[in-house]
Amino acid sequence: MMKEEKAESILHTAKKMFGRYGLQKTSLDEIARMARVAKATIYNYFGSKDRVYLEVLRRETDEIVEKISSSVDKEVPP
């Protein structure tokens, strides 16, 4: 798996787990197991569980902002 694919797999897995169990009850061990990567790989890519969480939140926020912007652009006459 390439570096970008590993990062995406980690974030995809983390997003599902944070959504289901919350930040406190989600462990890096479990994210690593479910994403099929070593826990050290998560530390190498992100540094900490908090940084994984922040990246998941950043991506979700960006997606929401994009959807809102797209919706507003469609509603505002030129």
PDB file of N, CA and C in Angstrom:
ATOM      1  N   MET A   1       0.851  -1.176   0.000  1.00  0.00           N
ATOM      2  CA  MET A   1       0.000   0.000   0.000  1.00  0.00           C
ATOM      3  C   MET A   1       0.898   1.241   0.000  1.00  0.00           C
ATOM      4  N   MET A   2       0.586   2.203  -0.857  1.00  0.00           N
ATOM      5  CA  MET A   2       1.377   3.422  -0.933  1.00  0.00           C
ATOM      6  C   MET A   2       1.076   4.320   0.266  1.00  0.00           C
ATOM      7  N   LYS A   3       1.968   5.263   0.512  1.00  0.00           N
ATOM      8  CA  LYS A   3       1.851   6.140   1.674  1.00  0.00           C
ATOM      9  C   LYS A   3       0.494   6.862   1.710  1.00  0.00           C
ATOM     10  N   GLU A   4       0.094   7.432   0.585  1.00  0.00           N
ATOM     11  CA  GLU A   4      -1.178   8.153   0.529  1.00  0.00           C
ATOM     12  C   GLU A   4      -2.352   7.214   0.804  1.00  0.00           C
ATOM     13  N   GLU A   5      -2.288   6.012   0.279  1.00  0.00           N
ATOM     14  CA  GLU A   5      -3.352   5.033   0.513  1.00  0.00           C
ATOM     15  C   GLU A   5      -3.423   4.629   1.979  1.00  0.00           C
ATOM     16  N   LYS A   6      -2.270   4.492   2.619  1.00  0.00           N
ATOM     17  CA  LYS A   6      -2.252   4.149   4.049  1.00  0.00           C
ATOM     18  C   LYS A   6      -2.880   5.264   4.868  1.00  0.00           C
ATOM     19  N   ALA A   7      -2.500   6.503   4.573  1.00  0.00           N
ATOM     20  CA  ALA A   7      -3.055   7.641   5.306  1.00  0.00           C
ATOM     21  C   ALA A   7      -4.569   7.694   5.129  1.00  0.00           C
ATOM     22  N   GLU A   8      -5.037   7.483   3.905  1.00  0.00           N
ATOM     23  CA  GLU A   8      -6.478   7.497   3.644  1.00  0.00           C
ATOM     24  C   GLU A   8      -7.184   6.366   4.379  1.00  0.00           C
ATOM     25  N   SER A   9      -6.573   5.202   4.401  1.00  0.00           N
ATOM     26  CA  SER A   9      -7.148   4.063   5.111  1.00  0.00           C
ATOM     27  C   SER A   9      -7.248   4.344   6.608  1.00  0.00           C
ATOM     28  N   ILE A  10      -6.201   4.916   7.157  1.00  0.00           N
ATOM     29  CA  ILE A  10      -6.195   5.276   8.580  1.00  0.00           C
ATOM     30  C   ILE A  10      -7.308   6.274   8.870  1.00  0.00           C
ATOM     31  N   LEU A  11      -7.401   7.322   8.059  1.00  0.00           N
ATOM     32  CA  LEU A  11      -8.402   8.363   8.296  1.00  0.00           C
ATOM     33  C   LEU A  11      -9.824   7.844   8.093  1.00  0.00           C
ATOM     34  N   HIS A  12     -10.025   7.011   7.104  1.00  0.00           N
ATOM     35  CA  HIS A  12     -11.347   6.433   6.860  1.00  0.00           C
ATOM     36  C   HIS A  12     -11.776   5.570   8.054  1.00  0.00           C
ATOM     37  N   THR A  13     -10.855   4.746   8.517  1.00  0.00           N
ATOM     38  CA  THR A  13     -11.129   3.890   9.672  1.00  0.00           C
ATOM     39  C   THR A  13     -11.372   4.729  10.921  1.00  0.00           C
ATOM     40  N   ALA A  14     -10.520   5.716  11.137  1.00  0.00           N
ATOM     41  CA  ALA A  14     -10.652   6.579  12.316  1.00  0.00           C
ATOM     42  C   ALA A  14     -11.985   7.318  12.306  1.00  0.00           C
ATOM     43  N   LYS A  15     -12.387   7.814  11.152  1.00  0.00           N
ATOM     44  CA  LYS A  15     -13.661   8.533  11.046  1.00  0.00           C
ATOM     45  C   LYS A  15     -14.821   7.650  11.494  1.00  0.00           C
ATOM     46  N   LYS A  16     -14.844   6.412  11.017  1.00  0.00           N
ATOM     47  CA  LYS A  16     -15.910   5.489  11.409  1.00  0.00           C
ATOM     48  C   LYS A  16     -15.865   5.206  12.907  1.00  0.00           C
ATOM     49  N   MET A  17     -14.666   4.993  13.431  1.00  0.00           N
ATOM     50  CA  MET A  17     -14.542   4.638  14.848  1.00  0.00           C
ATOM     51  C   MET A  17     -14.842   5.818  15.761  1.00  0.00           C
ATOM     52  N   PHE A  18     -14.364   7.006  15.408  1.00  0.00           N
ATOM     53  CA  PHE A  18     -14.676   8.188  16.217  1.00  0.00           C
ATOM     54  C   PHE A  18     -16.181   8.442  16.202  1.00  0.00           C
ATOM     55  N   GLY A  19     -16.798   8.256  15.045  1.00  0.00           N
ATOM     56  CA  GLY A  19     -18.241   8.444  14.941  1.00  0.00           C
ATOM     57  C   GLY A  19     -19.019   7.455  15.785  1.00  0.00           C
ATOM     58  N   ARG A  20     -18.538   6.246  15.850  1.00  0.00           N
ATOM     59  CA  ARG A  20     -19.240   5.190  16.587  1.00  0.00           C
ATOM     60  C   ARG A  20     -18.941   5.227  18.085  1.00  0.00           C
ATOM     61  N   TYR A  21     -17.676   5.423  18.454  1.00  0.00           N
ATOM     62  CA  TYR A  21     -17.263   5.284  19.853  1.00  0.00           C
ATOM     63  C   TYR A  21     -16.826   6.588  20.521  1.00  0.00           C
ATOM     64  N   GLY A  22     -16.613   7.646  19.743  1.00  0.00           N
ATOM     65  CA  GLY A  22     -16.140   8.900  20.307  1.00  0.00           C
ATOM     66  C   GLY A  22     -14.627   8.914  20.452  1.00  0.00           C
ATOM     67  N   LEU A  23     -14.099  10.073  20.709  1.00  0.00           N
ATOM     68  CA  LEU A  23     -12.649  10.251  20.820  1.00  0.00           C
ATOM     69  C   LEU A  23     -12.066   9.457  21.982  1.00  0.00           C
ATOM     70  N   GLN A  24     -12.682   9.549  23.141  1.00  0.00           N
ATOM     71  CA  GLN A  24     -12.119   8.925  24.338  1.00  0.00           C
ATOM     72  C   GLN A  24     -12.092   7.398  24.271  1.00  0.00           C
ATOM     73  N   LYS A  25     -13.115   6.803  23.673  1.00  0.00           N
ATOM     74  CA  LYS A  25     -13.207   5.339  23.660  1.00  0.00           C
ATOM     75  C   LYS A  25     -12.559   4.699  22.435  1.00  0.00           C
ATOM     76  N   THR A  26     -12.025   5.510  21.542  1.00  0.00           N
ATOM     77  CA  THR A  26     -11.334   4.984  20.362  1.00  0.00           C
ATOM     78  C   THR A  26      -9.842   4.973  20.643  1.00  0.00           C
ATOM     79  N   SER A  27      -9.211   3.837  20.431  1.00  0.00           N
ATOM     80  CA  SER A  27      -7.765   3.739  20.671  1.00  0.00           C
ATOM     81  C   SER A  27      -7.007   3.651  19.353  1.00  0.00           C
ATOM     82  N   LEU A  28      -5.763   4.106  19.384  1.00  0.00           N
ATOM     83  CA  LEU A  28      -4.909   3.963  18.208  1.00  0.00           C
ATOM     84  C   LEU A  28      -4.659   2.494  17.903  1.00  0.00           C
ATOM     85  N   ASP A  29      -4.594   1.674  18.931  1.00  0.00           N
ATOM     86  CA  ASP A  29      -4.425   0.233  18.713  1.00  0.00           C
ATOM     87  C   ASP A  29      -5.561  -0.318  17.854  1.00  0.00           C
ATOM     88  N   GLU A  30      -6.773   0.074  18.174  1.00  0.00           N
ATOM     89  CA  GLU A  30      -7.938  -0.417  17.438  1.00  0.00           C
ATOM     90  C   GLU A  30      -7.988   0.168  16.024  1.00  0.00           C
ATOM     91  N   ILE A  31      -7.670   1.450  15.886  1.00  0.00           N
ATOM     92  CA  ILE A  31      -7.613   2.052  14.545  1.00  0.00           C
ATOM     93  C   ILE A  31      -6.583   1.311  13.700  1.00  0.00           C
ATOM     94  N   ALA A  32      -5.412   1.066  14.266  1.00  0.00           N
ATOM     95  CA  ALA A  32      -4.345   0.367  13.541  1.00  0.00           C
ATOM     96  C   ALA A  32      -4.798  -1.031  13.131  1.00  0.00           C
ATOM     97  N   ARG A  33      -5.429  -1.733  14.046  1.00  0.00           N
ATOM     98  CA  ARG A  33      -5.890  -3.088  13.747  1.00  0.00           C
ATOM     99  C   ARG A  33      -6.918  -3.082  12.621  1.00  0.00           C
ATOM    100  N   MET A  34      -7.887  -2.197  12.716  1.00  0.00           N
ATOM    101  CA  MET A  34      -8.952  -2.142  11.710  1.00  0.00           C
ATOM    102  C   MET A  34      -8.441  -1.636  10.358  1.00  0.00           C
ATOM    103  N   ALA A  35      -7.463  -0.738  10.377  1.00  0.00           N
ATOM    104  CA  ALA A  35      -6.897  -0.199   9.129  1.00  0.00           C
ATOM    105  C   ALA A  35      -5.805  -1.104   8.560  1.00  0.00           C
ATOM    106  N   ARG A  36      -5.443  -2.132   9.347  1.00  0.00           N
ATOM    107  CA  ARG A  36      -4.403  -3.093   8.944  1.00  0.00           C
ATOM    108  C   ARG A  36      -3.052  -2.418   8.705  1.00  0.00           C
ATOM    109  N   VAL A  37      -2.702  -1.566   9.667  1.00  0.00           N
ATOM    110  CA  VAL A  37      -1.382  -0.934   9.671  1.00  0.00           C
ATOM    111  C   VAL A  37      -0.812  -1.058  11.077  1.00  0.00           C
ATOM    112  N   ALA A  38       0.474  -0.844  11.197  1.00  0.00           N
ATOM    113  CA  ALA A  38       1.104  -0.847  12.518  1.00  0.00           C
ATOM    114  C   ALA A  38       0.765   0.457  13.243  1.00  0.00           C
ATOM    115  N   LYS A  39       0.653   0.372  14.547  1.00  0.00           N
ATOM    116  CA  LYS A  39       0.404   1.570  15.348  1.00  0.00           C
ATOM    117  C   LYS A  39       1.499   2.604  15.097  1.00  0.00           C
ATOM    118  N   ALA A  40       2.736   2.140  14.920  1.00  0.00           N
ATOM    119  CA  ALA A  40       3.857   3.044  14.636  1.00  0.00           C
ATOM    120  C   ALA A  40       3.631   3.818  13.340  1.00  0.00           C
ATOM    121  N   THR A  41       2.948   3.202  12.389  1.00  0.00           N
ATOM    122  CA  THR A  41       2.649   3.886  11.127  1.00  0.00           C
ATOM    123  C   THR A  41       1.750   5.088  11.379  1.00  0.00           C
ATOM    124  N   ILE A  42       0.772   4.932  12.247  1.00  0.00           N
ATOM    125  CA  ILE A  42      -0.116   6.053  12.579  1.00  0.00           C
ATOM    126  C   ILE A  42       0.687   7.170  13.225  1.00  0.00           C
ATOM    127  N   TYR A  43       1.577   6.818  14.153  1.00  0.00           N
ATOM    128  CA  TYR A  43       2.423   7.833  14.781  1.00  0.00           C
ATOM    129  C   TYR A  43       3.319   8.511  13.754  1.00  0.00           C
ATOM    130  N   ASN A  44       3.861   7.750  12.812  1.00  0.00           N
ATOM    131  CA  ASN A  44       4.719   8.339  11.782  1.00  0.00           C
ATOM    132  C   ASN A  44       3.955   9.317  10.899  1.00  0.00           C
ATOM    133  N   TYR A  45       2.725   8.990  10.569  1.00  0.00           N
ATOM    134  CA  TYR A  45       1.934   9.833   9.674  1.00  0.00           C
ATOM    135  C   TYR A  45       1.306  11.028  10.380  1.00  0.00           C
ATOM    136  N   PHE A  46       0.842  10.812  11.617  1.00  0.00           N
ATOM    137  CA  PHE A  46       0.045  11.842  12.278  1.00  0.00           C
ATOM    138  C   PHE A  46       0.601  12.323  13.617  1.00  0.00           C
ATOM    139  N   GLY A  47       1.391  11.533  14.290  1.00  0.00           N
ATOM    140  CA  GLY A  47       1.999  11.969  15.540  1.00  0.00           C
ATOM    141  C   GLY A  47       1.235  11.615  16.800  1.00  0.00           C
ATOM    142  N   SER A  48      -0.100  11.621  16.732  1.00  0.00           N
ATOM    143  CA  SER A  48      -0.898  11.326  17.924  1.00  0.00           C
ATOM    144  C   SER A  48      -2.351  11.063  17.528  1.00  0.00           C
ATOM    145  N   LYS A  49      -3.104  10.521  18.462  1.00  0.00           N
ATOM    146  CA  LYS A  49      -4.530  10.296  18.223  1.00  0.00           C
ATOM    147  C   LYS A  49      -5.247  11.626  18.030  1.00  0.00           C
ATOM    148  N   ASP A  50      -4.853  12.628  18.798  1.00  0.00           N
ATOM    149  CA  ASP A  50      -5.484  13.943  18.656  1.00  0.00           C
ATOM    150  C   ASP A  50      -5.292  14.511  17.253  1.00  0.00           C
ATOM    151  N   ARG A  51      -4.118  14.304  16.684  1.00  0.00           N
ATOM    152  CA  ARG A  51      -3.873  14.807  15.323  1.00  0.00           C
ATOM    153  C   ARG A  51      -4.670  14.032  14.282  1.00  0.00           C
ATOM    154  N   VAL A  52      -4.845  12.745  14.504  1.00  0.00           N
ATOM    155  CA  VAL A  52      -5.711  11.964  13.613  1.00  0.00           C
ATOM    156  C   VAL A  52      -7.126  12.534  13.693  1.00  0.00           C
ATOM    157  N   TYR A  53      -7.591  12.757  14.909  1.00  0.00           N
ATOM    158  CA  TYR A  53      -8.931  13.295  15.124  1.00  0.00           C
ATOM    159  C   TYR A  53      -9.090  14.665  14.469  1.00  0.00           C
ATOM    160  N   LEU A  54      -8.103  15.529  14.654  1.00  0.00           N
ATOM    161  CA  LEU A  54      -8.169  16.863  14.058  1.00  0.00           C
ATOM    162  C   LEU A  54      -8.192  16.802  12.534  1.00  0.00           C
ATOM    163  N   GLU A  55      -7.451  15.883  11.948  1.00  0.00           N
ATOM    164  CA  GLU A  55      -7.462  15.739  10.486  1.00  0.00           C
ATOM    165  C   GLU A  55      -8.815  15.230  10.002  1.00  0.00           C
ATOM    166  N   VAL A  56      -9.406  14.299  10.733  1.00  0.00           N
ATOM    167  CA  VAL A  56     -10.749  13.830  10.385  1.00  0.00           C
ATOM    168  C   VAL A  56     -11.730  15.003  10.457  1.00  0.00           C
ATOM    169  N   LEU A  57     -11.666  15.784  11.519  1.00  0.00           N
ATOM    170  CA  LEU A  57     -12.557  16.940  11.668  1.00  0.00           C
ATOM    171  C   LEU A  57     -12.321  17.974  10.577  1.00  0.00           C
ATOM    172  N   ARG A  58     -11.058  18.230  10.243  1.00  0.00           N
ATOM    173  CA  ARG A  58     -10.732  19.212   9.203  1.00  0.00           C
ATOM    174  C   ARG A  58     -11.345  18.792   7.878  1.00  0.00           C
ATOM    175  N   ARG A  59     -11.206  17.537   7.547  1.00  0.00           N
ATOM    176  CA  ARG A  59     -11.760  17.041   6.282  1.00  0.00           C
ATOM    177  C   ARG A  59     -13.283  17.112   6.271  1.00  0.00           C
ATOM    178  N   GLU A  60     -13.896  16.765   7.376  1.00  0.00           N
ATOM    179  CA  GLU A  60     -15.355  16.838   7.461  1.00  0.00           C
ATOM    180  C   GLU A  60     -15.827  18.285   7.345  1.00  0.00           C
ATOM    181  N   THR A  61     -15.131  19.190   8.020  1.00  0.00           N
ATOM    182  CA  THR A  61     -15.472  20.608   7.957  1.00  0.00           C
ATOM    183  C   THR A  61     -15.325  21.130   6.538  1.00  0.00           C
ATOM    184  N   ASP A  62     -14.232  20.781   5.878  1.00  0.00           N
ATOM    185  CA  ASP A  62     -14.020  21.202   4.487  1.00  0.00           C
ATOM    186  C   ASP A  62     -15.150  20.709   3.587  1.00  0.00           C
ATOM    187  N   GLU A  63     -15.573  19.474   3.799  1.00  0.00           N
ATOM    188  CA  GLU A  63     -16.652  18.903   2.992  1.00  0.00           C
ATOM    189  C   GLU A  63     -17.968  19.643   3.225  1.00  0.00           C
ATOM    190  N   ILE A  64     -18.257  19.965   4.475  1.00  0.00           N
ATOM    191  CA  ILE A  64     -19.482  20.697   4.807  1.00  0.00           C
ATOM    192  C   ILE A  64     -19.451  22.089   4.191  1.00  0.00           C
ATOM    193  N   VAL A  65     -18.331  22.783   4.329  1.00  0.00           N
ATOM    194  CA  VAL A  65     -18.192  24.128   3.763  1.00  0.00           C
ATOM    195  C   VAL A  65     -18.365  24.079   2.247  1.00  0.00           C
ATOM    196  N   GLU A  66     -17.779  23.084   1.605  1.00  0.00           N
ATOM    197  CA  GLU A  66     -17.906  22.932   0.148  1.00  0.00           C
ATOM    198  C   GLU A  66     -19.362  22.722  -0.251  1.00  0.00           C
ATOM    199  N   LYS A  67     -20.079  21.892   0.494  1.00  0.00           N
ATOM    200  CA  LYS A  67     -21.491  21.646   0.185  1.00  0.00           C
ATOM    201  C   LYS A  67     -22.322  22.913   0.365  1.00  0.00           C
ATOM    202  N   ILE A  68     -22.055  23.648   1.430  1.00  0.00           N
ATOM    203  CA  ILE A  68     -22.783  24.893   1.673  1.00  0.00           C
ATOM    204  C   ILE A  68     -22.467  25.902   0.580  1.00  0.00           C
ATOM    205  N   SER A  69     -21.204  26.056   0.247  1.00  0.00           N
ATOM    206  CA  SER A  69     -20.796  27.003  -0.800  1.00  0.00           C
ATOM    207  C   SER A  69     -21.439  26.647  -2.130  1.00  0.00           C
ATOM    208  N   SER A  70     -21.451  25.383  -2.454  1.00  0.00           N
ATOM    209  CA  SER A  70     -22.051  24.920  -3.702  1.00  0.00           C
ATOM    210  C   SER A  70     -23.547  25.208  -3.717  1.00  0.00           C
ATOM    211  N   SER A  71     -24.189  24.986  -2.593  1.00  0.00           N
ATOM    212  CA  SER A  71     -25.623  25.228  -2.480  1.00  0.00           C
ATOM    213  C   SER A  71     -25.936  26.717  -2.608  1.00  0.00           C
ATOM    214  N   VAL A  72     -25.149  27.545  -1.958  1.00  0.00           N
ATOM    215  CA  VAL A  72     -25.348  28.995  -2.004  1.00  0.00           C
ATOM    216  C   VAL A  72     -25.103  29.507  -3.420  1.00  0.00           C
ATOM    217  N   ASP A  73     -24.064  29.003  -4.071  1.00  0.00           N
ATOM    218  CA  ASP A  73     -23.759  29.419  -5.441  1.00  0.00           C
ATOM    219  C   ASP A  73     -24.915  29.113  -6.384  1.00  0.00           C
ATOM    220  N   LYS A  74     -25.610  28.012  -6.153  1.00  0.00           N
ATOM    221  CA  LYS A  74     -26.742  27.639  -7.002  1.00  0.00           C
ATOM    222  C   LYS A  74     -27.957  28.524  -6.756  1.00  0.00           C
ATOM    223  N   GLU A  75     -28.094  29.036  -5.532  1.00  0.00           N
ATOM    224  CA  GLU A  75     -29.271  29.817  -5.168  1.00  0.00           C
ATOM    225  C   GLU A  75     -29.130  31.300  -5.472  1.00  0.00           C
ATOM    226  N   VAL A  76     -27.908  31.802  -5.516  1.00  0.00           N
ATOM    227  CA  VAL A  76     -27.680  33.232  -5.731  1.00  0.00           C
ATOM    228  C   VAL A  76     -27.690  33.514  -7.230  1.00  0.00           C
ATOM    229  N   PRO A  77     -28.595  34.392  -7.681  1.00  0.00           N
ATOM    230  CA  PRO A  77     -28.607  34.713  -9.108  1.00  0.00           C
ATOM    231  C   PRO A  77     -27.352  35.504  -9.496  1.00  0.00           C
ATOM    232  N   PRO A  78     -26.908  35.345 -10.737  1.00  0.00           N
ATOM    233  CA  PRO A  78     -25.680  36.041 -11.174  1.00  0.00           C
ATOM    234  C   PRO A  78     -25.836  37.537 -11.238  1.00  0.00           C
TER     235      PRO A  78
END
